[in-house]
């Protein structure tokens, strides 16, 4: 085996190891982000990150977005009532402006 052959094998093995490490880091990234941000569904985000890589990265960006978005488990009735009031006020203002034109 010549020096070129040995060097080629070294480069090939190094690239394979680097690819495995990069895949492992990317698979764990959404879960780590979710745990660091104290996401209420951190384990589910972690599983979604790994499944996203399993499906060739199709769902991985969704898991990453989910790791950053912290939707409340249930919106309080006060928040919902406030949103309903705002929507009603915007609708009234819109209809009033349309009637004036």
C-alpha atoms as a PDB file:
ATOM      1  CA  UNK A   1       0.000   0.000   0.000  1.00  0.00           C
ATOM      2  CA  UNK A   2       1.480   3.301  -1.058  1.00  0.00           C
ATOM      3  CA  UNK A   3       1.365   6.559   0.812  1.00  0.00           C
ATOM      4  CA  UNK A   4      -1.391   7.855  -1.482  1.00  0.00           C
ATOM      5  CA  UNK A   5      -3.584   4.821  -0.729  1.00  0.00           C
ATOM      6  CA  UNK A   6      -3.071   5.182   3.030  1.00  0.00           C
ATOM      7  CA  UNK A   7      -3.812   8.887   2.842  1.00  0.00           C
ATOM      8  CA  UNK A   8      -6.976   8.228   0.817  1.00  0.00           C
ATOM      9  CA  UNK A   9      -8.186   5.724   3.437  1.00  0.00           C
ATOM     10  CA  UNK A  10      -7.432   8.210   6.212  1.00  0.00           C
ATOM     11  CA  UNK A  11      -9.403  10.940   4.447  1.00  0.00           C
ATOM     12  CA  UNK A  12     -12.321   8.571   3.758  1.00  0.00           C
ATOM     13  CA  UNK A  13     -12.543   7.394   7.378  1.00  0.00           C
ATOM     14  CA  UNK A  14     -12.234  10.979   8.641  1.00  0.00           C
ATOM     15  CA  UNK A  15     -15.089  12.112   6.385  1.00  0.00           C
ATOM     16  CA  UNK A  16     -17.311   9.231   7.500  1.00  0.00           C
ATOM     17  CA  UNK A  17     -16.650   9.982  11.179  1.00  0.00           C
ATOM     18  CA  UNK A  18     -17.287  13.703  10.606  1.00  0.00           C
ATOM     19  CA  UNK A  19     -20.578  12.944   8.830  1.00  0.00           C
ATOM     20  CA  UNK A  20     -21.762  10.739  11.704  1.00  0.00           C
ATOM     21  CA  UNK A  21     -20.843  13.411  14.263  1.00  0.00           C
ATOM     22  CA  UNK A  22     -22.603  16.151  12.277  1.00  0.00           C
ATOM     23  CA  UNK A  23     -25.745  14.019  11.944  1.00  0.00           C
ATOM     24  CA  UNK A  24     -25.724  13.291  15.690  1.00  0.00           C
ATOM     25  CA  UNK A  25     -25.304  16.970  16.576  1.00  0.00           C
ATOM     26  CA  UNK A  26     -28.057  18.062  14.164  1.00  0.00           C
ATOM     27  CA  UNK A  27     -30.426  15.366  15.429  1.00  0.00           C
ATOM     28  CA  UNK A  28     -29.987  16.455  19.039  1.00  0.00           C
ATOM     29  CA  UNK A  29     -30.067  20.200  18.358  1.00  0.00           C
ATOM     30  CA  UNK A  30     -33.853  20.825  18.519  1.00  0.00           C
ATOM     31  CA  UNK A  31     -34.091  18.900  21.787  1.00  0.00           C
ATOM     32  CA  UNK A  32     -31.181  20.789  23.313  1.00  0.00           C
ATOM     33  CA  UNK A  33     -32.656  24.126  22.291  1.00  0.00           C
ATOM     34  CA  UNK A  34     -36.055  23.154  23.697  1.00  0.00           C
ATOM     35  CA  UNK A  35     -34.557  22.011  27.012  1.00  0.00           C
ATOM     36  CA  UNK A  36     -32.439  25.161  27.278  1.00  0.00           C
ATOM     37  CA  UNK A  37     -35.535  27.313  26.692  1.00  0.00           C
ATOM     38  CA  UNK A  38     -37.543  25.188  29.194  1.00  0.00           C
ATOM     39  CA  UNK A  39     -40.079  24.210  26.548  1.00  0.00           C
ATOM     40  CA  UNK A  40     -43.029  22.306  28.028  1.00  0.00           C
ATOM     41  CA  UNK A  41     -42.755  19.657  25.288  1.00  0.00           C
ATOM     42  CA  UNK A  42     -38.965  19.357  25.161  1.00  0.00           C
ATOM     43  CA  UNK A  43     -38.941  15.569  24.863  1.00  0.00           C
ATOM     44  CA  UNK A  44     -41.421  15.636  21.993  1.00  0.00           C
ATOM     45  CA  UNK A  45     -39.300  18.242  20.236  1.00  0.00           C
ATOM     46  CA  UNK A  46     -36.261  16.027  20.704  1.00  0.00           C
ATOM     47  CA  UNK A  47     -38.048  13.031  19.188  1.00  0.00           C
ATOM     48  CA  UNK A  48     -39.289  15.201  16.321  1.00  0.00           C
ATOM     49  CA  UNK A  49     -35.720  16.320  15.638  1.00  0.00           C
ATOM     50  CA  UNK A  50     -34.470  12.743  15.386  1.00  0.00           C
ATOM     51  CA  UNK A  51     -37.439  11.660  13.272  1.00  0.00           C
ATOM     52  CA  UNK A  52     -36.871  14.676  11.061  1.00  0.00           C
ATOM     53  CA  UNK A  53     -33.381  13.431  10.279  1.00  0.00           C
ATOM     54  CA  UNK A  54     -34.672   9.904   9.807  1.00  0.00           C
ATOM     55  CA  UNK A  55     -36.922  11.220   7.040  1.00  0.00           C
ATOM     56  CA  UNK A  56     -33.938  12.899   5.357  1.00  0.00           C
ATOM     57  CA  UNK A  57     -34.398  16.277   7.002  1.00  0.00           C
ATOM     58  CA  UNK A  58     -37.901  16.979   5.777  1.00  0.00           C
ATOM     59  CA  UNK A  59     -39.424  17.579   9.229  1.00  0.00           C
ATOM     60  CA  UNK A  60     -36.249  18.699  10.993  1.00  0.00           C
ATOM     61  CA  UNK A  61     -36.837  22.433  10.328  1.00  0.00           C
ATOM     62  CA  UNK A  62     -40.323  22.080  11.802  1.00  0.00           C
ATOM     63  CA  UNK A  63     -38.833  20.553  14.944  1.00  0.00           C
ATOM     64  CA  UNK A  64     -36.357  23.419  15.130  1.00  0.00           C
ATOM     65  CA  UNK A  65     -39.135  26.012  14.845  1.00  0.00           C
ATOM     66  CA  UNK A  66     -41.157  24.115  17.451  1.00  0.00           C
ATOM     67  CA  UNK A  67     -38.168  24.263  19.800  1.00  0.00           C
ATOM     68  CA  UNK A  68     -38.230  28.063  19.670  1.00  0.00           C
ATOM     69  CA  UNK A  69     -42.009  28.555  19.746  1.00  0.00           C
ATOM     70  CA  UNK A  70     -43.524  28.103  23.183  1.00  0.00           C
ATOM     71  CA  UNK A  71     -47.273  27.915  22.703  1.00  0.00           C
ATOM     72  CA  UNK A  72     -49.167  27.985  25.956  1.00  0.00           C
ATOM     73  CA  UNK A  73     -50.780  24.654  26.786  1.00  0.00           C
ATOM     74  CA  UNK A  74     -54.158  26.308  27.097  1.00  0.00           C
ATOM     75  CA  UNK A  75     -54.923  29.952  26.611  1.00  0.00           C
ATOM     76  CA  UNK A  76     -56.616  31.438  29.600  1.00  0.00           C
ATOM     77  CA  UNK A  77     -60.203  32.557  29.247  1.00  0.00           C
ATOM     78  CA  UNK A  78     -59.118  36.148  29.980  1.00  0.00           C
ATOM     79  CA  UNK A  79     -56.666  36.083  27.043  1.00  0.00           C
ATOM     80  CA  UNK A  80     -59.289  34.592  24.756  1.00  0.00           C
ATOM     81  CA  UNK A  81     -61.889  37.154  25.802  1.00  0.00           C
ATOM     82  CA  UNK A  82     -59.387  39.952  25.184  1.00  0.00           C
ATOM     83  CA  UNK A  83     -58.670  38.629  21.696  1.00  0.00           C
ATOM     84  CA  UNK A  84     -62.390  38.371  20.961  1.00  0.00           C
ATOM     85  CA  UNK A  85     -62.899  41.993  22.076  1.00  0.00           C
ATOM     86  CA  UNK A  86     -60.069  43.195  19.864  1.00  0.00           C
ATOM     87  CA  UNK A  87     -61.390  41.298  16.836  1.00  0.00           C
ATOM     88  CA  UNK A  88     -64.883  42.682  17.412  1.00  0.00           C
ATOM     89  CA  UNK A  89     -63.499  46.232  17.668  1.00  0.00           C
ATOM     90  CA  UNK A  90     -61.494  45.807  14.457  1.00  0.00           C
ATOM     91  CA  UNK A  91     -64.507  44.378  12.639  1.00  0.00           C
ATOM     92  CA  UNK A  92     -66.697  47.251  13.826  1.00  0.00           C
ATOM     93  CA  UNK A  93     -64.131  49.820  12.714  1.00  0.00           C
ATOM     94  CA  UNK A  94     -63.774  48.121   9.333  1.00  0.00           C
ATOM     95  CA  UNK A  95     -67.533  47.925   8.730  1.00  0.00           C
ATOM     96  CA  UNK A  96     -67.969  51.535   9.861  1.00  0.00           C
ATOM     97  CA  UNK A  97     -65.260  52.691   7.435  1.00  0.00           C
ATOM     98  CA  UNK A  98     -66.793  50.665   4.585  1.00  0.00           C
ATOM     99  CA  UNK A  99     -70.243  52.125   5.278  1.00  0.00           C
ATOM    100  CA  UNK A 100     -68.828  55.670   5.246  1.00  0.00           C
ATOM    101  CA  UNK A 101     -67.247  55.142   1.815  1.00  0.00           C
END
